[in-house]
Amino acid sequence: MYFLKRLLVLPPLLILISLIAFLLVRTAPGGPFDKERKPASPEIERRLLERYHLDQPLWKQYLLYLKGLSQGDFGPSLKQRNHTVNDIISQALPVSATLGAAAFLFSLGVGIPLGFYTAARRGHGFELAGSSLALLFVCVPALVVGPVLVIVFAVHWSIFPVALWGGAWHMVLPTITLGLYFSGKVARLMREGMLTTMHADYIIAARAKGLSESAVLWRHAFRIAVLPVVSYSGPLLADLLTGSFVVESLFQIPGMGVFVINSALNRDYPMIVGLVLVYAVLLLVLNLLVDAAYTWLDPRVRYD
């Protein structure tokens, strides 16, 4: 019943998000046709506003937008001529989603073992090395990691392609660049979860029963300690799937990150609202899946 209620709330919540985004982008100074290379005559400007219904009152513009949205149409792009928002999203989202999914798996594959073993080896040299490595991942931004990887592995050693999006080999450097920061965040969350869980009463009782340390850590501690990572995974995956402007710009990847920034700078109203809605859908659905994962990992969790 809880999940059914959450699903029923999604449509009105998305309408509210679309309304807020619709109003906010139109309150920003400037307009979509202010940066044309040659100033348009008053007649041309009037026709442009009329064509895109920008001469109508805001409430009427929103109702027209909502009508198109109900049919799955995000509207035309005001800057990408002869292209609709649907066209751009259908082309760019799969690229960003592929890169984001790869970076997500990389961050979990590196962060979870790193955080687990730094907590399990507390007091040993590995804890200091692992914690320092996780902190380094968090502190060094993708803007620095990307060029270093390109210089070392693409220019100097010629192992990977420098840029563009042509296949699995092209994904390696962008995936590492995008996922390294988040792997450090995951490692820190996993470590804190393990350190907290290892002092719980049921862990002490499991040790008192004579279970081996590996059995205690993997069978009992891990399922509860990973819950903070699961909570973080929903927003993280939604963020990664919708693209990264820095990484996509560095490696010349035709994803959504570039469109997010450019549409905001160019006041491309339909594009901004469409991208906001795509991100909102991903975030809401993934958070719902995170709640479902909680009930599987921790039997004590019950949603009424």
Protein backbone atom coordinates (compact mmCIF):
# COMPACT_ATOMS: atom_id res chain seq x y z
CA MET A 1 0.00 0.00 0.00
CA TYR A 2 2.88 2.36 0.81
CA PHE A 3 4.46 1.92 -2.63
CA LEU A 4 1.08 2.26 -4.35
CA LYS A 5 0.55 5.60 -2.60
CA ARG A 6 4.02 6.72 -3.69
CA LEU A 7 3.22 5.82 -7.29
CA LEU A 8 -0.08 7.70 -7.18
CA VAL A 9 1.68 10.81 -5.86
CA LEU A 10 4.18 10.87 -8.76
CA PRO A 11 1.95 12.47 -11.48
CA PRO A 12 0.76 15.47 -9.39
CA LEU A 13 4.27 15.93 -8.01
CA LEU A 14 5.72 16.03 -11.53
CA ILE A 15 3.08 18.58 -12.55
CA LEU A 16 4.09 20.74 -9.59
CA ILE A 17 7.77 20.42 -10.50
CA SER A 18 7.02 21.37 -14.10
CA LEU A 19 5.08 24.43 -12.93
CA ILE A 20 7.87 25.61 -10.64
CA ALA A 21 10.53 25.07 -13.33
CA PHE A 22 8.31 26.75 -15.94
CA LEU A 23 7.88 29.87 -13.80
CA LEU A 24 11.47 30.07 -12.57
CA VAL A 25 13.08 30.00 -16.02
CA ARG A 26 10.79 32.79 -17.18
CA THR A 27 11.56 35.02 -14.21
CA ALA A 28 15.28 35.01 -15.10
CA PRO A 29 16.45 38.16 -16.92
CA GLY A 30 16.86 37.97 -20.67
CA GLY A 31 15.10 35.94 -23.31
CA PRO A 32 15.82 33.15 -25.80
CA PHE A 33 16.33 35.54 -28.72
CA ASP A 34 18.47 38.18 -27.00
CA LYS A 35 21.81 36.67 -28.08
CA GLU A 36 21.21 36.41 -31.81
CA ARG A 37 24.22 37.45 -33.89
CA LYS A 38 22.11 40.00 -35.76
CA PRO A 39 19.36 41.86 -33.90
CA ALA A 40 15.94 40.93 -35.28
CA SER A 41 13.57 43.57 -36.56
CA PRO A 42 10.46 44.21 -34.47
CA GLU A 43 8.33 42.34 -37.00
CA ILE A 44 10.55 39.24 -36.95
CA GLU A 45 10.74 39.31 -33.16
CA ARG A 46 6.94 39.56 -32.97
CA ARG A 47 6.55 36.56 -35.26
CA LEU A 48 9.06 34.54 -33.26
CA LEU A 49 7.23 35.26 -30.02
CA GLU A 50 3.94 34.41 -31.68
CA ARG A 51 5.26 31.16 -33.14
CA TYR A 52 6.42 29.88 -29.74
CA HIS A 53 3.41 31.38 -27.86
CA LEU A 54 5.71 33.64 -25.85
CA ASP A 55 3.37 36.56 -26.47
CA GLN A 56 0.64 34.83 -24.42
CA PRO A 57 0.12 35.29 -20.66
CA LEU A 58 2.14 32.92 -18.50
CA TRP A 59 -0.87 30.91 -17.36
CA LYS A 60 -1.89 30.30 -20.96
CA GLN A 61 1.66 29.37 -21.96
CA TYR A 62 1.76 26.83 -19.15
CA LEU A 63 -1.60 25.30 -20.10
CA LEU A 64 -0.38 24.90 -23.68
CA TYR A 65 2.82 23.33 -22.41
CA LEU A 66 0.87 21.02 -20.10
CA LYS A 67 -1.34 19.96 -23.01
CA GLY A 68 1.70 18.95 -25.03
CA LEU A 69 3.25 17.29 -21.98
CA SER A 70 0.18 15.10 -21.51
CA GLN A 71 0.87 13.75 -25.02
CA GLY A 72 4.56 13.16 -24.26
CA ASP A 73 5.71 16.25 -26.15
CA PHE A 74 8.24 18.51 -24.40
CA GLY A 75 7.90 21.12 -27.13
CA PRO A 76 10.33 22.63 -29.66
CA SER A 77 13.81 23.79 -28.75
CA LEU A 78 14.11 27.57 -29.06
CA LYS A 79 17.84 27.45 -29.89
CA GLN A 80 18.37 24.10 -31.63
CA ARG A 81 16.52 24.96 -34.82
CA ASN A 82 14.42 22.23 -36.47
CA HIS A 83 14.78 20.03 -33.40
CA THR A 84 12.33 19.28 -30.62
CA VAL A 85 13.28 18.65 -27.02
CA ASN A 86 12.19 15.04 -27.48
CA ASP A 87 14.66 14.65 -30.36
CA ILE A 88 17.56 15.99 -28.33
CA ILE A 89 16.73 13.95 -25.23
CA SER A 90 16.30 10.75 -27.26
CA GLN A 91 19.75 11.28 -28.80
CA ALA A 92 21.67 12.54 -25.77
CA LEU A 93 20.08 10.63 -22.87
CA PRO A 94 21.24 7.14 -23.96
CA VAL A 95 24.82 8.40 -24.20
CA SER A 96 24.73 10.06 -20.77
CA ALA A 97 22.87 7.08 -19.29
CA THR A 98 25.49 4.64 -20.58
CA LEU A 99 28.35 6.72 -19.22
CA GLY A 100 26.49 7.37 -15.96
CA ALA A 101 25.66 3.69 -15.41
CA ALA A 102 29.29 2.73 -16.04
CA ALA A 103 30.52 5.43 -13.61
CA PHE A 104 27.93 4.28 -11.06
CA LEU A 105 29.11 0.67 -11.21
CA PHE A 106 32.72 1.85 -11.05
CA SER A 107 32.06 3.98 -7.95
CA LEU A 108 30.31 1.09 -6.18
CA GLY A 109 32.89 -1.46 -7.31
CA VAL A 110 35.74 0.66 -5.94
CA GLY A 111 34.04 2.43 -3.03
CA ILE A 112 32.26 -0.46 -1.29
CA PRO A 113 35.29 -2.80 -1.01
CA LEU A 114 37.54 0.11 -0.07
CA GLY A 115 35.21 1.28 2.70
CA PHE A 116 34.53 -2.27 3.89
CA TYR A 117 38.16 -3.26 4.29
CA THR A 118 39.29 0.03 5.83
CA ALA A 119 36.69 -0.54 8.57
CA ALA A 120 37.43 -4.26 8.90
CA ARG A 121 41.19 -3.56 9.16
CA ARG A 122 40.83 -0.79 11.69
CA GLY A 123 44.07 -0.14 13.50
CA HIS A 124 46.23 -1.53 10.69
CA GLY A 125 48.24 0.31 8.06
CA PHE A 126 45.62 -0.52 5.42
CA GLU A 127 43.06 1.65 7.24
CA LEU A 128 45.25 4.75 6.97
CA ALA A 129 46.11 4.05 3.32
CA GLY A 130 42.50 3.30 2.36
CA SER A 131 41.06 6.30 4.20
CA SER A 132 43.66 8.60 2.66
CA LEU A 133 42.90 7.22 -0.80
CA ALA A 134 39.16 7.77 -0.35
CA LEU A 135 39.80 11.32 0.84
CA LEU A 136 42.04 11.94 -2.17
CA PHE A 137 39.28 10.76 -4.52
CA VAL A 138 36.83 13.21 -2.94
CA CYS A 139 39.21 16.16 -2.93
CA VAL A 140 40.50 15.95 -6.51
CA PRO A 141 37.82 17.19 -8.97
CA ALA A 142 37.06 15.68 -12.37
CA LEU A 143 38.41 18.86 -13.99
CA VAL A 144 41.88 17.78 -12.76
CA VAL A 145 41.54 14.00 -13.02
CA GLY A 146 40.36 14.04 -16.65
CA PRO A 147 43.30 15.94 -18.21
CA VAL A 148 45.80 13.91 -16.16
CA LEU A 149 44.31 10.62 -17.38
CA VAL A 150 44.29 11.89 -20.97
CA ILE A 151 47.94 13.01 -20.82
CA VAL A 152 49.13 9.76 -19.23
CA PHE A 153 46.99 7.05 -20.82
CA ALA A 154 45.97 8.64 -24.14
CA VAL A 155 48.81 10.97 -25.17
CA HIS A 156 51.90 9.50 -23.49
CA TRP A 157 51.13 5.75 -23.58
CA SER A 158 48.43 5.79 -26.32
CA ILE A 159 46.40 3.08 -24.59
CA PHE A 160 42.97 4.70 -24.75
CA PRO A 161 41.37 7.14 -27.23
CA VAL A 162 41.70 10.81 -26.36
CA ALA A 163 38.02 11.72 -26.78
CA LEU A 164 34.73 11.15 -28.63
CA TRP A 165 32.22 8.33 -28.21
CA GLY A 166 32.93 5.38 -30.45
CA GLY A 167 32.72 2.23 -28.34
CA ALA A 168 33.63 0.51 -25.07
CA TRP A 169 37.30 1.54 -25.32
CA HIS A 170 36.23 5.20 -25.43
CA MET A 171 34.31 4.78 -22.17
CA VAL A 172 37.24 3.88 -19.93
CA LEU A 173 38.78 7.29 -19.22
CA PRO A 174 35.44 9.19 -18.95
CA THR A 175 34.08 6.48 -16.61
CA ILE A 176 37.09 6.72 -14.29
CA THR A 177 37.02 10.52 -14.40
CA LEU A 178 33.32 10.68 -13.55
CA GLY A 179 33.24 7.83 -11.05
CA LEU A 180 36.41 8.45 -9.04
CA TYR A 181 34.95 11.27 -6.92
CA PHE A 182 31.82 9.27 -6.11
CA SER A 183 33.83 6.15 -5.28
CA GLY A 184 35.50 8.18 -2.52
CA LYS A 185 32.09 9.28 -1.19
CA VAL A 186 30.82 5.69 -1.28
CA ALA A 187 33.95 4.44 0.49
CA ARG A 188 33.51 6.94 3.31
CA LEU A 189 29.83 6.10 3.71
CA MET A 190 30.58 2.38 3.71
CA ARG A 191 33.35 2.78 6.26
CA GLU A 192 31.17 4.80 8.65
CA GLY A 193 28.35 2.30 8.25
CA MET A 194 30.66 -0.60 9.05
CA LEU A 195 32.21 1.09 12.07
CA THR A 196 28.77 1.85 13.50
CA THR A 197 27.38 -1.62 12.78
CA MET A 198 30.36 -3.49 14.23
CA HIS A 199 29.51 -2.11 17.68
CA ALA A 200 25.86 -3.20 17.52
CA ASP A 201 24.52 -5.72 20.03
CA TYR A 202 23.70 -8.39 17.48
CA ILE A 203 27.27 -8.28 16.13
CA ILE A 204 28.63 -8.77 19.65
CA ALA A 205 26.18 -11.66 20.14
CA ALA A 206 27.28 -13.25 16.85
CA ARG A 207 30.91 -13.10 17.95
CA ALA A 208 29.96 -14.58 21.34
CA LYS A 209 28.39 -17.57 19.56
CA GLY A 210 31.78 -18.38 18.06
CA LEU A 211 31.20 -17.31 14.47
CA SER A 212 34.30 -16.52 12.48
CA GLU A 213 35.16 -12.88 11.90
CA SER A 214 34.56 -13.15 8.15
CA ALA A 215 31.11 -14.67 8.76
CA VAL A 216 30.24 -11.89 11.21
CA LEU A 217 31.33 -9.18 8.81
CA TRP A 218 29.80 -10.57 5.62
CA ARG A 219 26.63 -12.30 6.85
CA HIS A 220 25.57 -9.89 9.58
CA ALA A 221 27.40 -6.55 9.42
CA PHE A 222 27.52 -5.90 5.69
CA ARG A 223 23.75 -5.97 5.01
CA ILE A 224 23.12 -3.21 7.56
CA ALA A 225 26.33 -1.25 7.00
CA VAL A 226 25.60 -0.85 3.27
CA LEU A 227 22.27 0.92 3.91
CA PRO A 228 23.80 4.45 3.86
CA VAL A 229 25.31 3.60 0.47
CA VAL A 230 21.92 2.39 -0.76
CA SER A 231 20.32 5.68 0.37
CA TYR A 232 23.00 7.62 -1.47
CA SER A 233 22.70 5.46 -4.58
CA GLY A 234 19.29 6.79 -5.65
CA PRO A 235 20.21 10.48 -6.01
CA LEU A 236 23.70 9.50 -7.20
CA LEU A 237 22.40 7.37 -10.06
CA ALA A 238 19.86 10.02 -11.09
CA ASP A 239 22.65 12.60 -11.14
CA LEU A 240 25.00 10.40 -13.17
CA LEU A 241 22.41 9.27 -15.71
CA THR A 242 21.54 12.84 -16.68
CA GLY A 243 25.09 13.70 -17.67
CA SER A 244 28.08 15.67 -16.47
CA PHE A 245 28.97 18.93 -18.20
CA VAL A 246 32.64 18.81 -17.15
CA VAL A 247 33.35 15.21 -18.21
CA GLU A 248 31.33 15.41 -21.42
CA SER A 249 33.07 18.65 -22.37
CA LEU A 250 36.54 17.25 -21.61
CA PHE A 251 36.03 14.12 -23.71
CA GLN A 252 33.72 15.66 -26.35
CA ILE A 253 30.88 13.26 -25.51
CA PRO A 254 27.48 14.15 -27.05
CA GLY A 255 25.51 13.72 -23.83
CA MET A 256 22.94 15.73 -21.89
CA GLY A 257 25.35 17.60 -19.65
CA VAL A 258 26.26 20.09 -22.36
CA PHE A 259 22.58 20.71 -23.17
CA VAL A 260 21.77 21.35 -19.50
CA ILE A 261 24.28 24.20 -19.28
CA ASN A 262 23.72 25.62 -22.75
CA SER A 263 19.93 25.64 -22.41
CA ALA A 264 20.22 27.56 -19.14
CA LEU A 265 22.63 30.10 -20.65
CA ASN A 266 20.54 30.52 -23.81
CA ARG A 267 17.16 30.67 -22.00
CA ASP A 268 15.88 27.70 -23.99
CA TYR A 269 12.71 27.40 -21.89
CA PRO A 270 11.27 24.09 -23.19
CA MET A 271 14.69 22.43 -23.04
CA ILE A 272 15.29 23.49 -19.42
CA VAL A 273 11.88 22.32 -18.21
CA GLY A 274 12.17 19.07 -20.18
CA LEU A 275 15.57 18.25 -18.68
CA VAL A 276 14.33 19.12 -15.19
CA LEU A 277 11.41 16.73 -15.64
CA VAL A 278 13.67 13.94 -16.89
CA TYR A 279 15.89 14.37 -13.83
CA ALA A 280 12.86 14.52 -11.53
CA VAL A 281 11.39 11.28 -12.93
CA LEU A 282 14.71 9.47 -12.50
CA LEU A 283 15.16 10.80 -8.97
CA LEU A 284 11.65 9.90 -7.80
CA VAL A 285 11.66 6.42 -9.35
CA LEU A 286 15.15 5.58 -8.09
CA ASN A 287 14.30 6.76 -4.57
CA LEU A 288 11.28 4.47 -4.69
CA LEU A 289 13.55 1.58 -5.66
CA VAL A 290 15.89 2.49 -2.80
CA ASP A 291 12.99 2.23 -0.33
CA ALA A 292 12.16 -1.20 -1.76
CA ALA A 293 15.80 -2.28 -1.39
CA TYR A 294 15.72 -1.25 2.27
CA THR A 295 13.00 -3.82 3.06
CA TRP A 296 15.12 -6.54 1.45
CA LEU A 297 18.40 -5.63 3.15
CA ASP A 298 16.96 -4.92 6.60
CA PRO A 299 13.95 -7.07 7.60
CA ARG A 300 13.29 -4.68 10.49
CA VAL A 301 12.19 -1.96 8.04
CA ARG A 302 8.44 -1.94 7.43
CA TYR A 303 6.46 0.68 5.49
CA ASP A 304 2.91 1.14 6.70
